[in-house]
């Protein structure tokens, strides 16, 4: 099977969905002729023209509000992009309240087919306002679906599903993963929301990881396997809806849980997952649930300090070793 980067996988998904549905429109800062700051929309302006792929001012509230307005008319399926996921805070009301709640507030008279693309993650000294992973904030927002792929295969299938969905989707893309290659079939496929993927099977410890940390966990799993410890690595793929069934089945098998993400540990998505595990499978646990996340301080500008903010393979191995002591 061919191998392509996540960037190419996302580009293919956008291209295919825009070919399939002429009401699909894409807009944001520099997504037109420039092709996007991460080159994900490159070539789409030339193919589909300036009425379907266009640039906007540096005005995130306007970008999201325009998408909401287009969507509720029933005549457009907008895919707005914010250059950095950090900027979602500038448009918080439009995302948290308008995208997430208006279909409910109006008794279902309108649909909200908006897919908001949000690049996230620590990558190359971008600093505290361009490196965050804010997805957990929106787990508090009923009505919003939260997608966070870790592979090119998942990225393409999930983005196509998101664009076709008639409810609001926040699509988080880790910037480091854009250049990562993986197998992606040429035939069309979709990946349903709310279905986690077991990236590696094991019987000793369950590791639940998202985005870039899925790959860090897999690296750690390889080292642990050489020591005779077999971990199961689960990627939720969507945080809302969250596939607790797959997670709980694994927990009941292993009895030990480590949750790893690049978000701050305090109040991160791992806290909610841990809470649901202890509510539903407390007596299946052989050890306390462990979590790894970034420290509760702003992300440094220095590329030499950045590694201290992301969970490492060594930290994962140490955490698993501690769990195995129980």
Protein backbone atom coordinates (compact mmCIF):
# COMPACT_ATOMS: atom_id res chain seq x y z
CA UNK A 1 0.00 0.00 0.00
CA UNK A 2 1.25 3.51 -0.76
CA UNK A 3 2.64 5.70 2.03
CA UNK A 4 1.86 9.41 2.15
CA UNK A 5 2.25 12.19 4.71
CA UNK A 6 -0.57 13.39 6.90
CA UNK A 7 -0.40 16.69 5.01
CA UNK A 8 -1.09 14.90 1.74
CA UNK A 9 -3.81 12.77 3.33
CA UNK A 10 -5.62 15.88 4.57
CA UNK A 11 -5.19 17.57 1.20
CA UNK A 12 -6.69 14.55 -0.53
CA UNK A 13 -9.66 14.53 1.84
CA UNK A 14 -10.35 18.22 1.18
CA UNK A 15 -9.98 17.78 -2.57
CA UNK A 16 -12.24 14.72 -2.73
CA UNK A 17 -14.97 16.26 -0.61
CA UNK A 18 -14.92 19.51 -2.58
CA UNK A 19 -15.22 17.50 -5.78
CA UNK A 20 -18.09 15.48 -4.31
CA UNK A 21 -20.13 18.42 -2.99
CA UNK A 22 -20.06 21.81 -4.71
CA UNK A 23 -21.53 23.51 -1.62
CA UNK A 24 -18.29 22.80 0.27
CA UNK A 25 -16.21 25.95 0.77
CA UNK A 26 -12.83 26.47 2.42
CA UNK A 27 -11.52 29.72 3.88
CA UNK A 28 -9.14 31.21 6.43
CA UNK A 29 -5.93 33.17 6.70
CA UNK A 30 -3.63 32.49 3.71
CA UNK A 31 -5.42 29.29 2.65
CA UNK A 32 -5.94 30.55 -0.93
CA UNK A 33 -3.07 31.27 -3.32
CA UNK A 34 -0.49 30.72 -0.57
CA UNK A 35 -1.87 27.25 0.16
CA UNK A 36 -2.02 27.59 3.92
CA UNK A 37 0.71 28.17 6.49
CA UNK A 38 1.10 24.37 6.75
CA UNK A 39 0.61 23.80 2.98
CA UNK A 40 -2.49 21.65 3.53
CA UNK A 41 -4.65 23.64 1.08
CA UNK A 42 -1.99 23.99 -1.60
CA UNK A 43 -3.45 23.78 -5.11
CA UNK A 44 -7.10 23.95 -4.04
CA UNK A 45 -7.47 27.62 -4.94
CA UNK A 46 -6.20 26.96 -8.45
CA UNK A 47 -8.55 23.99 -8.89
CA UNK A 48 -11.77 25.25 -7.32
CA UNK A 49 -11.43 29.01 -7.73
CA UNK A 50 -11.71 32.00 -5.47
CA UNK A 51 -15.41 31.63 -4.69
CA UNK A 52 -14.87 28.27 -2.97
CA UNK A 53 -11.32 28.73 -1.60
CA UNK A 54 -10.57 32.20 -0.31
CA UNK A 55 -8.55 34.20 2.17
CA UNK A 56 -9.95 36.12 5.10
CA UNK A 57 -8.71 39.01 7.25
CA UNK A 58 -6.84 38.23 10.47
CA UNK A 59 -10.12 38.07 12.37
CA UNK A 60 -10.87 34.71 13.95
CA UNK A 61 -14.33 35.67 15.31
CA UNK A 62 -15.33 36.70 11.80
CA UNK A 63 -13.98 33.48 10.27
CA UNK A 64 -15.99 31.25 12.59
CA UNK A 65 -19.07 33.45 12.62
CA UNK A 66 -19.11 33.51 8.82
CA UNK A 67 -18.92 29.72 8.79
CA UNK A 68 -21.85 29.48 11.19
CA UNK A 69 -23.87 31.90 9.07
CA UNK A 70 -23.16 29.95 5.90
CA UNK A 71 -24.02 26.64 7.53
CA UNK A 72 -27.38 27.62 8.99
CA UNK A 73 -28.66 28.78 5.60
CA UNK A 74 -28.47 25.19 4.42
CA UNK A 75 -26.67 26.28 1.27
CA UNK A 76 -23.02 25.74 2.26
CA UNK A 77 -20.78 23.25 4.01
CA UNK A 78 -17.92 25.45 5.30
CA UNK A 79 -14.43 24.30 6.31
CA UNK A 80 -12.79 27.28 8.04
CA UNK A 81 -9.17 27.08 9.15
CA UNK A 82 -7.43 28.96 11.93
CA UNK A 83 -3.67 29.22 11.39
CA UNK A 84 -2.98 28.05 14.94
CA UNK A 85 -5.37 26.21 17.23
CA UNK A 86 -4.36 28.62 20.00
CA UNK A 87 -6.34 31.34 18.20
CA UNK A 88 -9.59 29.50 18.89
CA UNK A 89 -9.78 31.46 22.13
CA UNK A 90 -10.27 34.67 20.17
CA UNK A 91 -13.40 33.14 18.64
CA UNK A 92 -14.50 31.34 21.80
CA UNK A 93 -18.10 32.54 21.83
CA UNK A 94 -18.61 31.72 18.15
CA UNK A 95 -17.24 28.19 18.69
CA UNK A 96 -18.44 27.32 22.19
CA UNK A 97 -21.90 28.83 21.95
CA UNK A 98 -22.85 29.40 18.32
CA UNK A 99 -21.31 26.33 16.64
CA UNK A 100 -22.03 24.07 19.57
CA UNK A 101 -25.48 25.19 20.67
CA UNK A 102 -27.45 26.95 17.94
CA UNK A 103 -28.90 23.79 16.40
CA UNK A 104 -30.22 22.85 19.84
CA UNK A 105 -31.37 26.38 20.69
CA UNK A 106 -33.45 26.54 17.51
CA UNK A 107 -35.15 23.21 18.00
CA UNK A 108 -33.27 21.47 15.24
CA UNK A 109 -34.63 23.77 12.55
CA UNK A 110 -31.10 24.30 11.24
CA UNK A 111 -28.04 22.13 10.80
CA UNK A 112 -24.44 23.06 11.63
CA UNK A 113 -22.16 21.35 9.04
CA UNK A 114 -19.01 23.25 10.04
CA UNK A 115 -15.60 21.58 10.22
CA UNK A 116 -13.17 23.93 11.95
CA UNK A 117 -9.55 22.88 11.31
CA UNK A 118 -7.15 23.70 14.14
CA UNK A 119 -3.37 23.04 13.97
CA UNK A 120 -2.00 22.36 17.46
CA UNK A 121 1.09 21.23 19.32
CA UNK A 122 4.64 22.11 20.23
CA UNK A 123 6.77 22.45 17.11
CA UNK A 124 9.94 24.45 16.57
CA UNK A 125 10.00 27.30 19.06
CA UNK A 126 6.64 28.84 18.23
CA UNK A 127 6.16 30.00 21.82
CA UNK A 128 3.35 29.98 24.37
CA UNK A 129 0.60 31.38 22.12
CA UNK A 130 1.33 29.22 19.06
CA UNK A 131 2.10 25.80 20.58
CA UNK A 132 -0.84 24.83 22.77
CA UNK A 133 -3.23 21.87 22.64
CA UNK A 134 -6.56 23.34 23.79
CA UNK A 135 -8.89 20.48 22.86
CA UNK A 136 -9.86 19.61 26.43
CA UNK A 137 -11.46 23.05 26.84
CA UNK A 138 -14.17 21.99 24.41
CA UNK A 139 -14.99 18.73 26.15
CA UNK A 140 -17.03 21.10 28.35
CA UNK A 141 -19.02 22.23 25.30
CA UNK A 142 -22.00 20.00 24.51
CA UNK A 143 -22.79 20.00 20.81
CA UNK A 144 -19.17 20.02 19.66
CA UNK A 145 -17.50 16.93 18.22
CA UNK A 146 -13.75 16.76 18.88
CA UNK A 147 -11.47 14.90 16.47
CA UNK A 148 -7.72 14.42 16.93
CA UNK A 149 -6.02 12.01 14.47
CA UNK A 150 -2.53 10.56 14.91
CA UNK A 151 -1.85 8.95 11.50
CA UNK A 152 -2.35 9.83 7.84
CA UNK A 153 -4.91 7.02 7.52
CA UNK A 154 -6.95 8.31 10.43
CA UNK A 155 -6.60 11.93 9.34
CA UNK A 156 -8.06 11.34 5.89
CA UNK A 157 -10.90 9.09 6.97
CA UNK A 158 -11.89 11.26 9.91
CA UNK A 159 -11.75 14.53 7.93
CA UNK A 160 -14.01 13.12 5.23
CA UNK A 161 -16.46 12.01 7.92
CA UNK A 162 -16.28 15.44 9.56
CA UNK A 163 -17.02 17.33 6.36
CA UNK A 164 -20.07 15.18 5.65
CA UNK A 165 -21.42 15.50 9.20
CA UNK A 166 -24.29 17.92 9.76
CA UNK A 167 -23.09 18.86 13.24
CA UNK A 168 -20.16 21.01 14.34
CA UNK A 169 -16.70 19.42 14.34
CA UNK A 170 -13.43 20.70 15.81
CA UNK A 171 -10.64 18.98 13.89
CA UNK A 172 -7.30 19.21 15.73
CA UNK A 173 -4.13 18.49 13.72
CA UNK A 174 -0.75 18.20 15.46
CA UNK A 175 1.78 20.20 13.45
CA UNK A 176 4.64 17.72 13.94
CA UNK A 177 2.51 15.00 12.34
CA UNK A 178 2.08 16.82 9.01
CA UNK A 179 5.30 15.30 7.65
CA UNK A 180 4.81 11.85 9.15
CA UNK A 181 4.14 9.12 6.58
CA UNK A 182 1.77 6.19 6.83
CA UNK A 183 -0.23 3.76 4.74
CA UNK A 184 -3.34 5.23 3.13
CA UNK A 185 -5.45 3.32 0.57
CA UNK A 186 -6.31 4.99 -2.72
CA UNK A 187 -9.92 3.76 -2.52
CA UNK A 188 -12.41 5.92 -0.64
CA UNK A 189 -13.08 5.18 3.01
CA UNK A 190 -14.61 6.90 6.03
CA UNK A 191 -13.84 6.45 9.73
CA UNK A 192 -16.82 6.79 12.11
CA UNK A 193 -16.64 9.09 15.11
CA UNK A 194 -16.63 7.49 18.54
CA UNK A 195 -14.55 4.46 17.53
CA UNK A 196 -11.12 4.20 19.15
CA UNK A 197 -8.29 2.34 17.46
CA UNK A 198 -6.05 -0.18 19.21
CA UNK A 199 -2.64 0.68 17.75
CA UNK A 200 -0.91 -2.18 19.58
CA UNK A 201 -2.36 -5.06 21.58
CA UNK A 202 -1.02 -6.12 24.97
CA UNK A 203 -2.03 -7.71 28.26
CA UNK A 204 -0.04 -5.89 30.95
CA UNK A 205 -0.80 -2.15 30.80
CA UNK A 206 -3.26 0.01 28.85
CA UNK A 207 -1.80 3.24 27.45
CA UNK A 208 -4.34 5.74 26.15
CA UNK A 209 -2.67 8.42 24.05
CA UNK A 210 -3.62 11.12 21.55
CA UNK A 211 -2.00 12.82 18.55
CA UNK A 212 1.83 12.83 18.59
CA UNK A 213 1.92 10.98 21.91
CA UNK A 214 0.47 7.90 20.24
CA UNK A 215 3.80 7.51 18.46
CA UNK A 216 5.80 8.22 21.62
CA UNK A 217 3.75 5.52 23.36
CA UNK A 218 4.42 3.05 20.55
CA UNK A 219 8.15 3.75 20.79
CA UNK A 220 8.00 3.12 24.52
CA UNK A 221 5.97 -0.04 23.95
CA UNK A 222 8.75 -1.43 21.77
CA UNK A 223 11.32 -0.89 24.51
CA UNK A 224 9.01 -2.35 27.15
CA UNK A 225 8.33 -5.40 25.01
CA UNK A 226 12.05 -6.17 25.01
CA UNK A 227 11.79 -6.27 28.82
CA UNK A 228 8.84 -8.65 28.69
CA UNK A 229 6.11 -6.07 29.35
CA UNK A 230 3.37 -5.95 26.71
CA UNK A 231 1.35 -2.73 26.70
CA UNK A 232 -1.85 -2.05 24.78
CA UNK A 233 -1.85 1.36 23.05
CA UNK A 234 -5.25 2.90 22.38
CA UNK A 235 -5.87 6.04 20.33
CA UNK A 236 -9.38 7.41 21.05
CA UNK A 237 -9.27 9.34 17.72
CA UNK A 238 -12.27 11.38 18.90
CA UNK A 239 -12.64 12.88 22.37
CA UNK A 240 -16.30 13.69 21.74
CA UNK A 241 -17.84 11.23 21.20
CA UNK A 242 -15.47 9.19 23.38
CA UNK A 243 -15.29 5.42 22.89
CA UNK A 244 -15.27 4.28 26.50
CA UNK A 245 -16.36 0.78 25.51
CA UNK A 246 -13.02 0.00 23.83
CA UNK A 247 -11.10 1.66 26.67
CA UNK A 248 -12.96 -0.23 29.40
CA UNK A 249 -12.52 -3.59 27.64
CA UNK A 250 -8.77 -3.00 27.64
CA UNK A 251 -8.73 -1.84 31.25
CA UNK A 252 -10.57 -4.97 32.37
CA UNK A 253 -7.94 -7.04 30.57
CA UNK A 254 -4.81 -5.27 31.86
CA UNK A 255 -5.86 -3.73 35.18
CA UNK A 256 -3.30 -0.94 34.76
CA UNK A 257 -3.75 2.39 32.98
CA UNK A 258 -1.47 5.19 31.79
CA UNK A 259 -2.94 8.20 29.96
CA UNK A 260 -0.55 10.32 27.90
CA UNK A 261 -1.17 13.63 26.12
CA UNK A 262 0.64 16.86 25.30
CA UNK A 263 -2.07 18.99 26.92
CA UNK A 264 -1.43 20.26 30.45
CA UNK A 265 -1.93 17.42 32.90
CA UNK A 266 -4.29 19.47 35.07
CA UNK A 267 -7.74 19.47 33.50
CA UNK A 268 -6.53 17.71 30.35
CA UNK A 269 -8.61 15.20 28.43
CA UNK A 270 -6.88 12.46 30.43
CA UNK A 271 -8.57 13.67 33.59
CA UNK A 272 -12.02 12.99 32.12
CA UNK A 273 -10.96 9.61 30.77
CA UNK A 274 -9.49 8.67 34.15
CA UNK A 275 -12.67 9.75 35.93
CA UNK A 276 -14.84 7.61 33.69
CA UNK A 277 -12.55 4.61 34.13
CA UNK A 278 -12.72 4.79 37.92
CA UNK A 279 -16.50 5.28 37.79
CA UNK A 280 -17.07 2.27 35.58
CA UNK A 281 -14.14 -0.07 36.22
CA UNK A 282 -12.69 0.75 39.64
CA UNK A 283 -12.63 -2.84 40.84
CA UNK A 284 -10.89 -4.00 37.67
CA UNK A 285 -7.87 -1.83 38.47
CA UNK A 286 -4.77 -3.38 40.02
CA UNK A 287 -3.02 -0.01 40.41
CA UNK A 288 -3.88 3.70 40.54
CA UNK A 289 -4.39 5.36 37.15
CA UNK A 290 -1.34 7.32 36.03
CA UNK A 291 -1.32 10.41 33.79
CA UNK A 292 1.44 12.14 31.86
CA UNK A 293 0.97 15.62 30.38
CA UNK A 294 2.77 18.91 30.04
CA UNK A 295 3.57 20.92 33.18
CA UNK A 296 1.23 23.70 34.26
CA UNK A 297 3.37 26.55 32.95
CA UNK A 298 3.29 28.47 29.63
CA UNK A 299 5.24 26.76 26.84
CA UNK A 300 8.71 28.25 26.39
CA UNK A 301 9.87 29.90 23.18
CA UNK A 302 13.24 28.15 23.39
CA UNK A 303 13.57 24.98 21.34
CA UNK A 304 15.97 23.75 24.02
CA UNK A 305 13.25 23.95 26.67
CA UNK A 306 10.42 22.54 24.54
CA UNK A 307 11.34 18.88 25.22
CA UNK A 308 10.61 19.42 28.91
CA UNK A 309 6.96 20.12 28.06
CA UNK A 310 6.16 16.93 26.13
CA UNK A 311 5.97 13.47 27.69
CA UNK A 312 8.97 11.43 26.60
CA UNK A 313 9.51 7.77 25.85
CA UNK A 314 11.62 7.53 29.00
CA UNK A 315 8.82 8.97 31.14
CA UNK A 316 6.33 6.51 29.69
CA UNK A 317 8.67 3.56 30.32
CA UNK A 318 9.22 4.71 33.90
CA UNK A 319 5.47 5.14 34.51
CA UNK A 320 4.76 1.66 33.14
CA UNK A 321 7.53 0.18 35.28
CA UNK A 322 5.92 1.78 38.34
CA UNK A 323 2.53 0.38 37.40
CA UNK A 324 4.01 -3.09 37.03
CA UNK A 325 5.14 -2.99 40.66
CA UNK A 326 1.53 -3.41 41.78
